[in-house]
Amino acid sequence: MSKSTMFQVEDFFVRISDKGQSLKLAVWNDEGQKLLSELISTDHSGKFWNLVANQTSDSVAEAVKQRIYS
């Protein structure tokens, strides 16, 4: 992955940034309001992904997982 990548999922705009030791996820809605700005957890228990889905949508959580884990 490059230093930063942006893409759209449904009505959300997603940015994944490489912060050296970790990746950071930021998500905005279609009105430009930032909904989420978190370091991507290495804990695969699902708690982080539930937070992403609750703040945005299941589709956003799945799209981000697909980009970073494939």
N, C-alpha and C. Protein backbone atom coordinates (compact mmCIF):
# COMPACT_ATOMS: atom_id res chain seq x y z
N MET A 1 0.84 -1.17 0.00
CA MET A 1 0.00 0.00 0.00
C MET A 1 0.89 1.24 0.00
N SER A 2 0.46 2.26 -0.72
CA SER A 2 1.22 3.50 -0.75
C SER A 2 1.06 4.23 0.59
N LYS A 3 1.66 5.38 0.73
CA LYS A 3 1.58 6.16 1.97
C LYS A 3 0.14 6.41 2.40
N SER A 4 -0.73 6.68 1.43
CA SER A 4 -2.13 6.96 1.73
C SER A 4 -2.98 6.58 0.53
N THR A 5 -4.12 5.99 0.81
CA THR A 5 -5.05 5.66 -0.26
C THR A 5 -6.45 6.09 0.15
N MET A 6 -7.19 6.63 -0.80
CA MET A 6 -8.56 7.05 -0.55
C MET A 6 -9.48 6.34 -1.53
N PHE A 7 -10.68 6.02 -1.05
CA PHE A 7 -11.68 5.40 -1.90
C PHE A 7 -13.06 5.67 -1.31
N GLN A 8 -14.08 5.39 -2.11
CA GLN A 8 -15.45 5.62 -1.69
C GLN A 8 -16.17 4.29 -1.55
N VAL A 9 -16.95 4.18 -0.48
CA VAL A 9 -17.82 3.03 -0.25
C VAL A 9 -19.19 3.60 0.10
N GLU A 10 -20.18 3.29 -0.72
CA GLU A 10 -21.51 3.86 -0.54
C GLU A 10 -21.39 5.38 -0.48
N ASP A 11 -21.90 6.00 0.59
CA ASP A 11 -21.82 7.46 0.75
C ASP A 11 -20.68 7.88 1.66
N PHE A 12 -19.71 7.00 1.87
CA PHE A 12 -18.59 7.28 2.77
C PHE A 12 -17.30 7.41 1.97
N PHE A 13 -16.43 8.27 2.44
CA PHE A 13 -15.11 8.46 1.86
C PHE A 13 -14.10 7.97 2.88
N VAL A 14 -13.23 7.07 2.44
CA VAL A 14 -12.34 6.35 3.34
C VAL A 14 -10.89 6.65 2.98
N ARG A 15 -10.07 6.90 4.00
CA ARG A 15 -8.63 7.07 3.78
C ARG A 15 -7.89 6.12 4.72
N ILE A 16 -6.96 5.39 4.15
CA ILE A 16 -6.05 4.54 4.94
C ILE A 16 -4.66 5.14 4.76
N SER A 17 -4.05 5.52 5.87
CA SER A 17 -2.71 6.15 5.83
C SER A 17 -1.70 5.26 6.53
N ASP A 18 -0.51 5.18 5.97
CA ASP A 18 0.59 4.45 6.57
C ASP A 18 1.31 5.39 7.53
N LYS A 19 1.26 5.07 8.81
CA LYS A 19 1.89 5.91 9.84
C LYS A 19 3.17 5.28 10.37
N GLY A 20 3.84 4.52 9.52
CA GLY A 20 5.10 3.89 9.93
C GLY A 20 4.87 2.55 10.58
N GLN A 21 4.64 2.53 11.87
CA GLN A 21 4.43 1.29 12.60
C GLN A 21 2.98 0.79 12.54
N SER A 22 2.07 1.64 12.07
CA SER A 22 0.66 1.24 12.02
C SER A 22 -0.06 1.97 10.89
N LEU A 23 -1.28 1.51 10.64
CA LEU A 23 -2.14 2.14 9.64
C LEU A 23 -3.23 2.93 10.37
N LYS A 24 -3.61 4.04 9.78
CA LYS A 24 -4.67 4.86 10.37
C LYS A 24 -5.84 4.92 9.40
N LEU A 25 -7.04 4.78 9.94
CA LEU A 25 -8.26 4.81 9.17
C LEU A 25 -9.03 6.09 9.48
N ALA A 26 -9.45 6.79 8.45
CA ALA A 26 -10.32 7.96 8.61
C ALA A 26 -11.48 7.81 7.64
N VAL A 27 -12.68 8.14 8.13
CA VAL A 27 -13.89 8.01 7.31
C VAL A 27 -14.72 9.27 7.47
N TRP A 28 -15.19 9.79 6.31
CA TRP A 28 -16.07 10.96 6.27
C TRP A 28 -17.38 10.56 5.62
N ASN A 29 -18.44 11.29 5.98
CA ASN A 29 -19.70 11.07 5.27
C ASN A 29 -19.75 11.96 4.04
N ASP A 30 -20.85 11.89 3.30
CA ASP A 30 -20.95 12.66 2.05
C ASP A 30 -21.14 14.16 2.27
N GLU A 31 -21.25 14.58 3.53
CA GLU A 31 -21.32 16.00 3.86
C GLU A 31 -19.99 16.54 4.35
N GLY A 32 -18.96 15.69 4.36
CA GLY A 32 -17.62 16.11 4.77
C GLY A 32 -17.37 16.02 6.26
N GLN A 33 -18.29 15.44 7.01
CA GLN A 33 -18.12 15.29 8.46
C GLN A 33 -17.29 14.05 8.75
N LYS A 34 -16.20 14.22 9.51
CA LYS A 34 -15.36 13.07 9.86
C LYS A 34 -16.08 12.24 10.92
N LEU A 35 -16.27 10.98 10.61
CA LEU A 35 -16.99 10.08 11.50
C LEU A 35 -16.06 9.22 12.34
N LEU A 36 -14.87 8.98 11.81
CA LEU A 36 -13.97 8.05 12.46
C LEU A 36 -12.54 8.40 12.10
N SER A 37 -11.67 8.36 13.08
CA SER A 37 -10.24 8.55 12.86
C SER A 37 -9.51 7.74 13.92
N GLU A 38 -9.09 6.54 13.53
CA GLU A 38 -8.51 5.60 14.49
C GLU A 38 -7.33 4.86 13.87
N LEU A 39 -6.38 4.47 14.71
CA LEU A 39 -5.35 3.54 14.26
C LEU A 39 -6.00 2.19 14.09
N ILE A 40 -5.65 1.50 13.02
CA ILE A 40 -6.24 0.19 12.75
C ILE A 40 -5.66 -0.81 13.72
N SER A 41 -6.54 -1.46 14.44
CA SER A 41 -6.15 -2.40 15.49
C SER A 41 -5.56 -3.67 14.91
N THR A 42 -4.55 -4.18 15.58
CA THR A 42 -4.00 -5.48 15.20
C THR A 42 -4.74 -6.60 15.93
N ASP A 43 -5.65 -6.23 16.82
CA ASP A 43 -6.48 -7.19 17.54
C ASP A 43 -7.56 -7.69 16.59
N HIS A 44 -7.53 -8.95 16.27
CA HIS A 44 -8.48 -9.51 15.30
C HIS A 44 -9.74 -10.05 15.98
N SER A 45 -10.04 -9.59 17.20
CA SER A 45 -11.20 -10.10 17.93
C SER A 45 -12.52 -9.60 17.36
N GLY A 46 -12.45 -8.59 16.52
CA GLY A 46 -13.68 -8.06 15.93
C GLY A 46 -14.16 -6.78 16.57
N LYS A 47 -13.66 -6.44 17.75
CA LYS A 47 -14.12 -5.23 18.45
C LYS A 47 -13.87 -3.98 17.60
N PHE A 48 -12.69 -3.86 17.02
CA PHE A 48 -12.37 -2.70 16.19
C PHE A 48 -13.29 -2.65 14.97
N TRP A 49 -13.49 -3.81 14.31
CA TRP A 49 -14.31 -3.84 13.10
C TRP A 49 -15.77 -3.57 13.41
N ASN A 50 -16.23 -3.96 14.59
CA ASN A 50 -17.59 -3.62 15.02
C ASN A 50 -17.73 -2.12 15.20
N LEU A 51 -16.69 -1.48 15.75
CA LEU A 51 -16.70 -0.02 15.91
C LEU A 51 -16.80 0.65 14.54
N VAL A 52 -16.00 0.20 13.59
CA VAL A 52 -16.03 0.77 12.24
C VAL A 52 -17.42 0.61 11.63
N ALA A 53 -17.97 -0.60 11.71
CA ALA A 53 -19.30 -0.86 11.14
C ALA A 53 -20.38 -0.03 11.82
N ASN A 54 -20.29 0.12 13.14
CA ASN A 54 -21.30 0.90 13.87
C ASN A 54 -21.23 2.38 13.55
N GLN A 55 -20.03 2.90 13.33
CA GLN A 55 -19.87 4.32 13.02
C GLN A 55 -20.13 4.63 11.55
N THR A 56 -20.02 3.61 10.70
CA THR A 56 -20.18 3.82 9.25
C THR A 56 -21.18 2.80 8.72
N SER A 57 -20.69 1.69 8.17
CA SER A 57 -21.55 0.61 7.69
C SER A 57 -20.73 -0.68 7.61
N ASP A 58 -21.44 -1.80 7.51
CA ASP A 58 -20.76 -3.09 7.34
C ASP A 58 -19.92 -3.10 6.07
N SER A 59 -20.41 -2.44 5.03
CA SER A 59 -19.70 -2.39 3.75
C SER A 59 -18.36 -1.69 3.88
N VAL A 60 -18.30 -0.62 4.66
CA VAL A 60 -17.04 0.09 4.87
C VAL A 60 -16.05 -0.81 5.61
N ALA A 61 -16.50 -1.46 6.66
CA ALA A 61 -15.62 -2.36 7.42
C ALA A 61 -15.07 -3.46 6.52
N GLU A 62 -15.91 -4.06 5.70
CA GLU A 62 -15.47 -5.13 4.83
C GLU A 62 -14.51 -4.62 3.75
N ALA A 63 -14.78 -3.45 3.18
CA ALA A 63 -13.91 -2.89 2.14
C ALA A 63 -12.52 -2.57 2.69
N VAL A 64 -12.47 -2.04 3.91
CA VAL A 64 -11.17 -1.72 4.52
C VAL A 64 -10.40 -3.01 4.81
N LYS A 65 -11.08 -4.00 5.38
CA LYS A 65 -10.41 -5.29 5.66
C LYS A 65 -9.86 -5.89 4.37
N GLN A 66 -10.64 -5.84 3.32
CA GLN A 66 -10.20 -6.40 2.04
C GLN A 66 -8.94 -5.68 1.54
N ARG A 67 -8.90 -4.36 1.68
CA ARG A 67 -7.74 -3.59 1.19
C ARG A 67 -6.49 -3.86 2.00
N ILE A 68 -6.61 -3.99 3.31
CA ILE A 68 -5.39 -4.11 4.12
C ILE A 68 -4.94 -5.55 4.31
N TYR A 69 -5.84 -6.52 4.18
CA TYR A 69 -5.47 -7.91 4.43
C TYR A 69 -5.28 -8.73 3.16
N SER A 70 -5.44 -8.11 1.98
CA SER A 70 -5.26 -8.90 0.75
C SER A 70 -4.04 -8.45 -0.02
